[in-house]
Amino acid sequence: MSLTNIPFTTKEAFQSITDYWSPKVISEFNGQYVKIAKLKGDFVWHDHKEEDELFLVVKGSLSIDFEDKIIHLKEGEGFVVPKATMHKPHCEEECWVMLIEPKETKHTGDVETKYTKSIDEQLK
């Protein structure tokens, strides 16, 4: 399925999301997927062995725990998690994020949890 040259509206796309921690692919470019997700509560510790992952906060605020620090992102702020870096996103209140990552990036890395979504699930 090619998502290039298809306009998208983030507000409408976010309104269609009903489950937290369940990213949806809204576009693609240069071997990357553009995903959006609604987050709330704690996610799982994981890493992406070969891929960087960009988080951009569209609404709300997000914290990302690392082994040696915690970063806090507010609306409009972003951060790139380097490949092979253990991290755990979390937020108290609902947060909307845009993610940009290579197509082959596994949602929860090599960790299988109740949150894990396949690429096919993310494309629906």
N, C-alpha and C. Protein backbone atom coordinates (compact mmCIF):
# COMPACT_ATOMS: atom_id res chain seq x y z
N MET A 1 0.85 -1.18 0.00
CA MET A 1 0.00 0.00 0.00
C MET A 1 0.89 1.24 0.00
N SER A 2 0.72 2.10 -0.97
CA SER A 2 1.50 3.32 -1.03
C SER A 2 0.68 4.48 -0.48
N LEU A 3 1.29 5.22 0.43
CA LEU A 3 0.62 6.36 1.04
C LEU A 3 1.22 7.67 0.58
N THR A 4 2.09 7.63 -0.43
CA THR A 4 2.67 8.86 -0.93
C THR A 4 1.66 9.58 -1.80
N ASN A 5 1.77 10.88 -1.86
CA ASN A 5 0.88 11.73 -2.66
C ASN A 5 -0.57 11.65 -2.22
N ILE A 6 -0.81 11.28 -0.97
CA ILE A 6 -2.16 11.28 -0.42
C ILE A 6 -2.19 12.32 0.69
N PRO A 7 -3.01 13.36 0.52
CA PRO A 7 -3.08 14.38 1.58
C PRO A 7 -3.61 13.78 2.89
N PHE A 8 -3.15 14.33 4.00
CA PHE A 8 -3.67 13.89 5.29
C PHE A 8 -3.90 15.09 6.18
N THR A 9 -4.86 14.95 7.06
CA THR A 9 -5.17 15.99 8.03
C THR A 9 -4.95 15.38 9.40
N THR A 10 -4.00 15.91 10.16
CA THR A 10 -3.68 15.30 11.45
C THR A 10 -4.84 15.36 12.42
N LYS A 11 -5.58 16.46 12.44
CA LYS A 11 -6.70 16.57 13.37
C LYS A 11 -7.72 15.46 13.14
N GLU A 12 -8.10 15.25 11.89
CA GLU A 12 -9.05 14.18 11.56
C GLU A 12 -8.46 12.82 11.87
N ALA A 13 -7.19 12.64 11.56
CA ALA A 13 -6.55 11.35 11.82
C ALA A 13 -6.52 11.05 13.32
N PHE A 14 -6.18 12.04 14.13
CA PHE A 14 -6.17 11.82 15.58
C PHE A 14 -7.57 11.51 16.10
N GLN A 15 -8.58 12.15 15.56
CA GLN A 15 -9.95 11.90 16.01
C GLN A 15 -10.38 10.47 15.75
N SER A 16 -9.77 9.81 14.77
CA SER A 16 -10.15 8.42 14.45
C SER A 16 -9.48 7.40 15.37
N ILE A 17 -8.50 7.82 16.16
CA ILE A 17 -7.79 6.90 17.05
C ILE A 17 -8.57 6.73 18.35
N THR A 18 -8.82 5.47 18.71
CA THR A 18 -9.58 5.18 19.94
C THR A 18 -8.74 4.49 21.00
N ASP A 19 -7.63 3.88 20.64
CA ASP A 19 -6.81 3.13 21.59
C ASP A 19 -5.48 3.85 21.84
N TYR A 20 -5.09 3.91 23.11
CA TYR A 20 -3.79 4.47 23.45
C TYR A 20 -2.68 3.51 23.05
N TRP A 21 -1.52 4.07 22.73
CA TRP A 21 -0.30 3.33 22.39
C TRP A 21 -0.48 2.46 21.14
N SER A 22 -1.39 2.85 20.26
CA SER A 22 -1.65 2.10 19.04
C SER A 22 -1.44 3.00 17.82
N PRO A 23 -0.19 3.12 17.35
CA PRO A 23 0.11 4.05 16.26
C PRO A 23 -0.59 3.68 14.96
N LYS A 24 -0.90 4.72 14.20
CA LYS A 24 -1.51 4.55 12.88
C LYS A 24 -0.62 5.25 11.85
N VAL A 25 -0.33 4.55 10.76
CA VAL A 25 0.46 5.11 9.68
C VAL A 25 -0.43 6.05 8.87
N ILE A 26 0.03 7.30 8.67
CA ILE A 26 -0.76 8.24 7.88
C ILE A 26 -0.07 8.66 6.59
N SER A 27 1.24 8.38 6.47
CA SER A 27 1.95 8.70 5.24
C SER A 27 3.29 7.97 5.22
N GLU A 28 3.98 8.08 4.11
CA GLU A 28 5.31 7.48 3.99
C GLU A 28 6.16 8.32 3.05
N PHE A 29 7.47 8.28 3.27
CA PHE A 29 8.41 8.95 2.39
C PHE A 29 9.81 8.41 2.62
N ASN A 30 10.59 8.27 1.57
CA ASN A 30 11.99 7.87 1.67
C ASN A 30 12.22 6.69 2.61
N GLY A 31 11.37 5.69 2.54
CA GLY A 31 11.54 4.51 3.38
C GLY A 31 11.13 4.73 4.83
N GLN A 32 10.46 5.83 5.11
CA GLN A 32 10.01 6.17 6.47
C GLN A 32 8.48 6.13 6.53
N TYR A 33 7.94 5.78 7.68
CA TYR A 33 6.51 5.94 7.94
C TYR A 33 6.31 7.14 8.83
N VAL A 34 5.27 7.90 8.54
CA VAL A 34 4.79 8.95 9.42
C VAL A 34 3.61 8.35 10.16
N LYS A 35 3.70 8.32 11.49
CA LYS A 35 2.66 7.69 12.31
C LYS A 35 2.15 8.71 13.32
N ILE A 36 0.92 8.50 13.74
CA ILE A 36 0.39 9.28 14.84
C ILE A 36 -0.14 8.32 15.89
N ALA A 37 -0.17 8.78 17.13
CA ALA A 37 -0.67 7.94 18.23
C ALA A 37 -1.16 8.82 19.36
N LYS A 38 -2.14 8.30 20.07
CA LYS A 38 -2.57 8.91 21.32
C LYS A 38 -1.94 8.09 22.43
N LEU A 39 -1.38 8.77 23.42
CA LEU A 39 -0.69 8.09 24.51
C LEU A 39 -1.31 8.52 25.84
N LYS A 40 -1.30 7.61 26.80
CA LYS A 40 -1.69 7.95 28.16
C LYS A 40 -1.20 6.84 29.08
N GLY A 41 -0.59 7.22 30.20
CA GLY A 41 -0.05 6.23 31.13
C GLY A 41 1.37 5.85 30.78
N ASP A 42 1.75 4.64 31.17
CA ASP A 42 3.11 4.14 30.95
C ASP A 42 3.16 3.17 29.79
N PHE A 43 4.22 3.26 29.00
CA PHE A 43 4.49 2.28 27.96
C PHE A 43 5.50 1.28 28.51
N VAL A 44 6.21 0.60 27.66
CA VAL A 44 7.16 -0.43 28.09
C VAL A 44 8.59 0.00 27.74
N TRP A 45 9.55 -0.50 28.51
CA TRP A 45 10.96 -0.31 28.17
C TRP A 45 11.23 -1.09 26.89
N HIS A 46 11.87 -0.46 25.93
CA HIS A 46 12.22 -1.13 24.68
C HIS A 46 13.27 -0.30 23.94
N ASP A 47 13.81 -0.88 22.90
CA ASP A 47 14.69 -0.14 22.01
C ASP A 47 14.44 -0.60 20.59
N HIS A 48 15.03 0.12 19.66
CA HIS A 48 14.96 -0.22 18.25
C HIS A 48 16.42 -0.37 17.81
N LYS A 49 16.85 -1.60 17.66
CA LYS A 49 18.27 -1.92 17.47
C LYS A 49 18.93 -1.16 16.32
N GLU A 50 18.21 -0.99 15.20
CA GLU A 50 18.81 -0.41 14.00
C GLU A 50 18.19 0.91 13.55
N GLU A 51 17.20 1.43 14.28
CA GLU A 51 16.47 2.59 13.80
C GLU A 51 16.37 3.70 14.84
N ASP A 52 16.56 4.94 14.40
CA ASP A 52 16.23 6.10 15.22
C ASP A 52 14.72 6.27 15.18
N GLU A 53 14.18 6.98 16.18
CA GLU A 53 12.73 7.21 16.25
C GLU A 53 12.49 8.66 16.66
N LEU A 54 11.74 9.39 15.83
CA LEU A 54 11.43 10.78 16.13
C LEU A 54 10.06 10.88 16.79
N PHE A 55 10.00 11.56 17.94
CA PHE A 55 8.75 11.88 18.62
C PHE A 55 8.52 13.38 18.47
N LEU A 56 7.34 13.78 18.03
CA LEU A 56 6.94 15.18 17.98
C LEU A 56 5.61 15.30 18.71
N VAL A 57 5.57 16.08 19.78
CA VAL A 57 4.35 16.24 20.56
C VAL A 57 3.44 17.25 19.87
N VAL A 58 2.27 16.78 19.48
CA VAL A 58 1.28 17.61 18.80
C VAL A 58 0.33 18.25 19.82
N LYS A 59 0.00 17.51 20.86
CA LYS A 59 -0.91 18.01 21.90
C LYS A 59 -0.53 17.37 23.23
N GLY A 60 -0.50 18.16 24.29
CA GLY A 60 -0.19 17.63 25.61
C GLY A 60 1.30 17.66 25.90
N SER A 61 1.74 16.74 26.75
CA SER A 61 3.15 16.64 27.11
C SER A 61 3.53 15.18 27.28
N LEU A 62 4.80 14.89 27.08
CA LEU A 62 5.31 13.52 27.09
C LEU A 62 6.64 13.49 27.81
N SER A 63 6.84 12.47 28.61
CA SER A 63 8.16 12.21 29.21
C SER A 63 8.70 10.92 28.63
N ILE A 64 10.00 10.87 28.44
CA ILE A 64 10.65 9.64 27.96
C ILE A 64 11.77 9.33 28.93
N ASP A 65 11.66 8.17 29.58
CA ASP A 65 12.71 7.71 30.49
C ASP A 65 13.81 7.03 29.69
N PHE A 66 15.05 7.31 30.08
CA PHE A 66 16.22 6.63 29.55
C PHE A 66 16.96 6.05 30.74
N GLU A 67 17.94 5.24 30.50
CA GLU A 67 18.67 4.62 31.59
C GLU A 67 19.38 5.65 32.46
N ASP A 68 19.75 6.81 31.89
CA ASP A 68 20.52 7.80 32.64
C ASP A 68 19.85 9.16 32.80
N LYS A 69 18.63 9.31 32.27
CA LYS A 69 17.94 10.61 32.35
C LYS A 69 16.48 10.46 31.95
N ILE A 70 15.74 11.54 32.15
CA ILE A 70 14.36 11.64 31.70
C ILE A 70 14.25 12.95 30.94
N ILE A 71 13.64 12.91 29.77
CA ILE A 71 13.38 14.16 29.06
C ILE A 71 11.89 14.43 29.09
N HIS A 72 11.54 15.70 29.11
CA HIS A 72 10.14 16.13 29.14
C HIS A 72 9.89 16.99 27.91
N LEU A 73 8.88 16.62 27.14
CA LEU A 73 8.54 17.34 25.92
C LEU A 73 7.16 17.97 26.06
N LYS A 74 7.06 19.23 25.67
CA LYS A 74 5.78 19.94 25.66
C LYS A 74 5.27 20.03 24.22
N GLU A 75 4.04 20.47 24.11
CA GLU A 75 3.42 20.64 22.80
C GLU A 75 4.34 21.42 21.87
N GLY A 76 4.54 20.88 20.67
CA GLY A 76 5.40 21.53 19.69
C GLY A 76 6.86 21.13 19.76
N GLU A 77 7.24 20.38 20.80
CA GLU A 77 8.63 19.95 20.94
C GLU A 77 8.82 18.52 20.43
N GLY A 78 10.02 18.23 20.01
CA GLY A 78 10.33 16.91 19.50
C GLY A 78 11.67 16.41 20.00
N PHE A 79 11.90 15.12 19.79
CA PHE A 79 13.15 14.50 20.21
C PHE A 79 13.38 13.25 19.38
N VAL A 80 14.63 13.01 18.99
CA VAL A 80 14.98 11.79 18.28
C VAL A 80 15.66 10.84 19.25
N VAL A 81 15.06 9.67 19.43
CA VAL A 81 15.66 8.62 20.25
C VAL A 81 16.63 7.86 19.35
N PRO A 82 17.93 7.87 19.69
CA PRO A 82 18.90 7.17 18.85
C PRO A 82 18.69 5.66 18.86
N LYS A 83 19.05 5.04 17.75
CA LYS A 83 18.92 3.59 17.65
C LYS A 83 19.64 2.92 18.82
N ALA A 84 19.14 1.74 19.20
CA ALA A 84 19.72 0.91 20.26
C ALA A 84 19.71 1.58 21.63
N THR A 85 18.82 2.56 21.84
CA THR A 85 18.73 3.25 23.12
C THR A 85 17.46 2.80 23.84
N MET A 86 17.63 2.20 25.01
CA MET A 86 16.48 1.80 25.81
C MET A 86 15.71 3.04 26.24
N HIS A 87 14.38 2.98 26.09
CA HIS A 87 13.55 4.11 26.47
C HIS A 87 12.14 3.64 26.84
N LYS A 88 11.46 4.50 27.62
CA LYS A 88 10.10 4.19 28.04
C LYS A 88 9.30 5.50 28.06
N PRO A 89 8.43 5.70 27.06
CA PRO A 89 7.58 6.88 27.06
C PRO A 89 6.47 6.76 28.11
N HIS A 90 6.06 7.91 28.66
CA HIS A 90 4.92 7.92 29.57
C HIS A 90 4.36 9.33 29.68
N CYS A 91 3.08 9.40 30.04
CA CYS A 91 2.43 10.69 30.23
C CYS A 91 1.23 10.51 31.15
N GLU A 92 1.00 11.53 31.97
CA GLU A 92 -0.12 11.48 32.92
C GLU A 92 -1.46 11.68 32.21
N GLU A 93 -1.51 12.67 31.35
CA GLU A 93 -2.73 13.01 30.62
C GLU A 93 -2.58 12.59 29.16
N GLU A 94 -3.68 12.53 28.45
CA GLU A 94 -3.63 12.16 27.03
C GLU A 94 -2.68 13.08 26.27
N CYS A 95 -1.87 12.47 25.45
CA CYS A 95 -0.88 13.17 24.63
C CYS A 95 -1.01 12.67 23.20
N TRP A 96 -0.91 13.58 22.25
CA TRP A 96 -0.92 13.21 20.84
C TRP A 96 0.50 13.38 20.31
N VAL A 97 1.01 12.35 19.64
CA VAL A 97 2.35 12.43 19.07
C VAL A 97 2.37 12.02 17.61
N MET A 98 3.33 12.58 16.90
CA MET A 98 3.65 12.14 15.56
C MET A 98 5.00 11.45 15.67
N LEU A 99 5.13 10.32 15.01
CA LEU A 99 6.36 9.54 15.01
C LEU A 99 6.84 9.42 13.57
N ILE A 100 8.12 9.52 13.37
CA ILE A 100 8.70 9.25 12.06
C ILE A 100 9.81 8.26 12.29
N GLU A 101 9.71 7.13 11.57
CA GLU A 101 10.69 6.06 11.75
C GLU A 101 10.74 5.20 10.50
N PRO A 102 11.84 4.48 10.29
CA PRO A 102 11.93 3.59 9.13
C PRO A 102 10.80 2.56 9.12
N LYS A 103 10.40 2.18 7.92
CA LYS A 103 9.28 1.24 7.77
C LYS A 103 9.48 -0.06 8.53
N GLU A 104 10.70 -0.51 8.64
CA GLU A 104 10.95 -1.81 9.29
C GLU A 104 10.96 -1.74 10.82
N THR A 105 10.79 -0.57 11.39
CA THR A 105 10.84 -0.42 12.85
C THR A 105 9.69 -1.17 13.51
N LYS A 106 10.04 -2.04 14.45
CA LYS A 106 9.02 -2.77 15.21
C LYS A 106 8.50 -1.86 16.33
N HIS A 107 7.21 -1.87 16.52
CA HIS A 107 6.54 -0.98 17.48
C HIS A 107 7.19 -1.01 18.86
N THR A 108 7.42 -2.18 19.40
CA THR A 108 8.02 -2.31 20.73
C THR A 108 9.38 -3.00 20.66
N GLY A 109 10.07 -2.80 19.56
CA GLY A 109 11.37 -3.46 19.40
C GLY A 109 11.22 -4.96 19.47
N ASP A 110 12.10 -5.62 20.20
CA ASP A 110 12.03 -7.07 20.35
C ASP A 110 11.19 -7.51 21.55
N VAL A 111 10.55 -6.55 22.22
CA VAL A 111 9.72 -6.85 23.38
C VAL A 111 8.28 -7.06 22.90
N GLU A 112 7.68 -8.18 23.28
CA GLU A 112 6.28 -8.47 22.94
C GLU A 112 5.41 -8.19 24.16
N THR A 113 4.44 -7.29 24.00
CA THR A 113 3.54 -6.95 25.10
C THR A 113 2.12 -6.83 24.57
N LYS A 114 1.19 -6.53 25.46
CA LYS A 114 -0.19 -6.31 25.04
C LYS A 114 -0.30 -5.09 24.14
N TYR A 115 0.67 -4.21 24.17
CA TYR A 115 0.66 -3.00 23.35
C TYR A 115 1.21 -3.22 21.94
N THR A 116 1.97 -4.27 21.73
CA THR A 116 2.65 -4.49 20.46
C THR A 116 1.67 -4.55 19.29
N LYS A 117 1.93 -3.73 18.28
CA LYS A 117 1.11 -3.68 17.08
C LYS A 117 1.99 -3.97 15.87
N SER A 118 1.52 -4.86 15.01
CA SER A 118 2.25 -5.17 13.78
C SER A 118 2.10 -3.99 12.81
N ILE A 119 2.94 -3.97 11.79
CA ILE A 119 2.83 -2.93 10.77
C ILE A 119 1.46 -3.03 10.10
N ASP A 120 0.96 -4.23 9.85
CA ASP A 120 -0.37 -4.38 9.24
C ASP A 120 -1.44 -3.72 10.10
N GLU A 121 -1.35 -3.90 11.42
CA GLU A 121 -2.33 -3.26 12.32
C GLU A 121 -2.18 -1.74 12.28
N GLN A 122 -0.96 -1.25 12.14
CA GLN A 122 -0.73 0.18 12.11
C GLN A 122 -1.18 0.81 10.78
N LEU A 123 -1.28 0.01 9.74
CA LEU A 123 -1.71 0.51 8.44
C LEU A 123 -3.23 0.58 8.28
N LYS A 124 -3.97 0.00 9.20
CA LYS A 124 -5.46 -0.02 9.10
C LYS A 124 -6.04 1.33 9.43
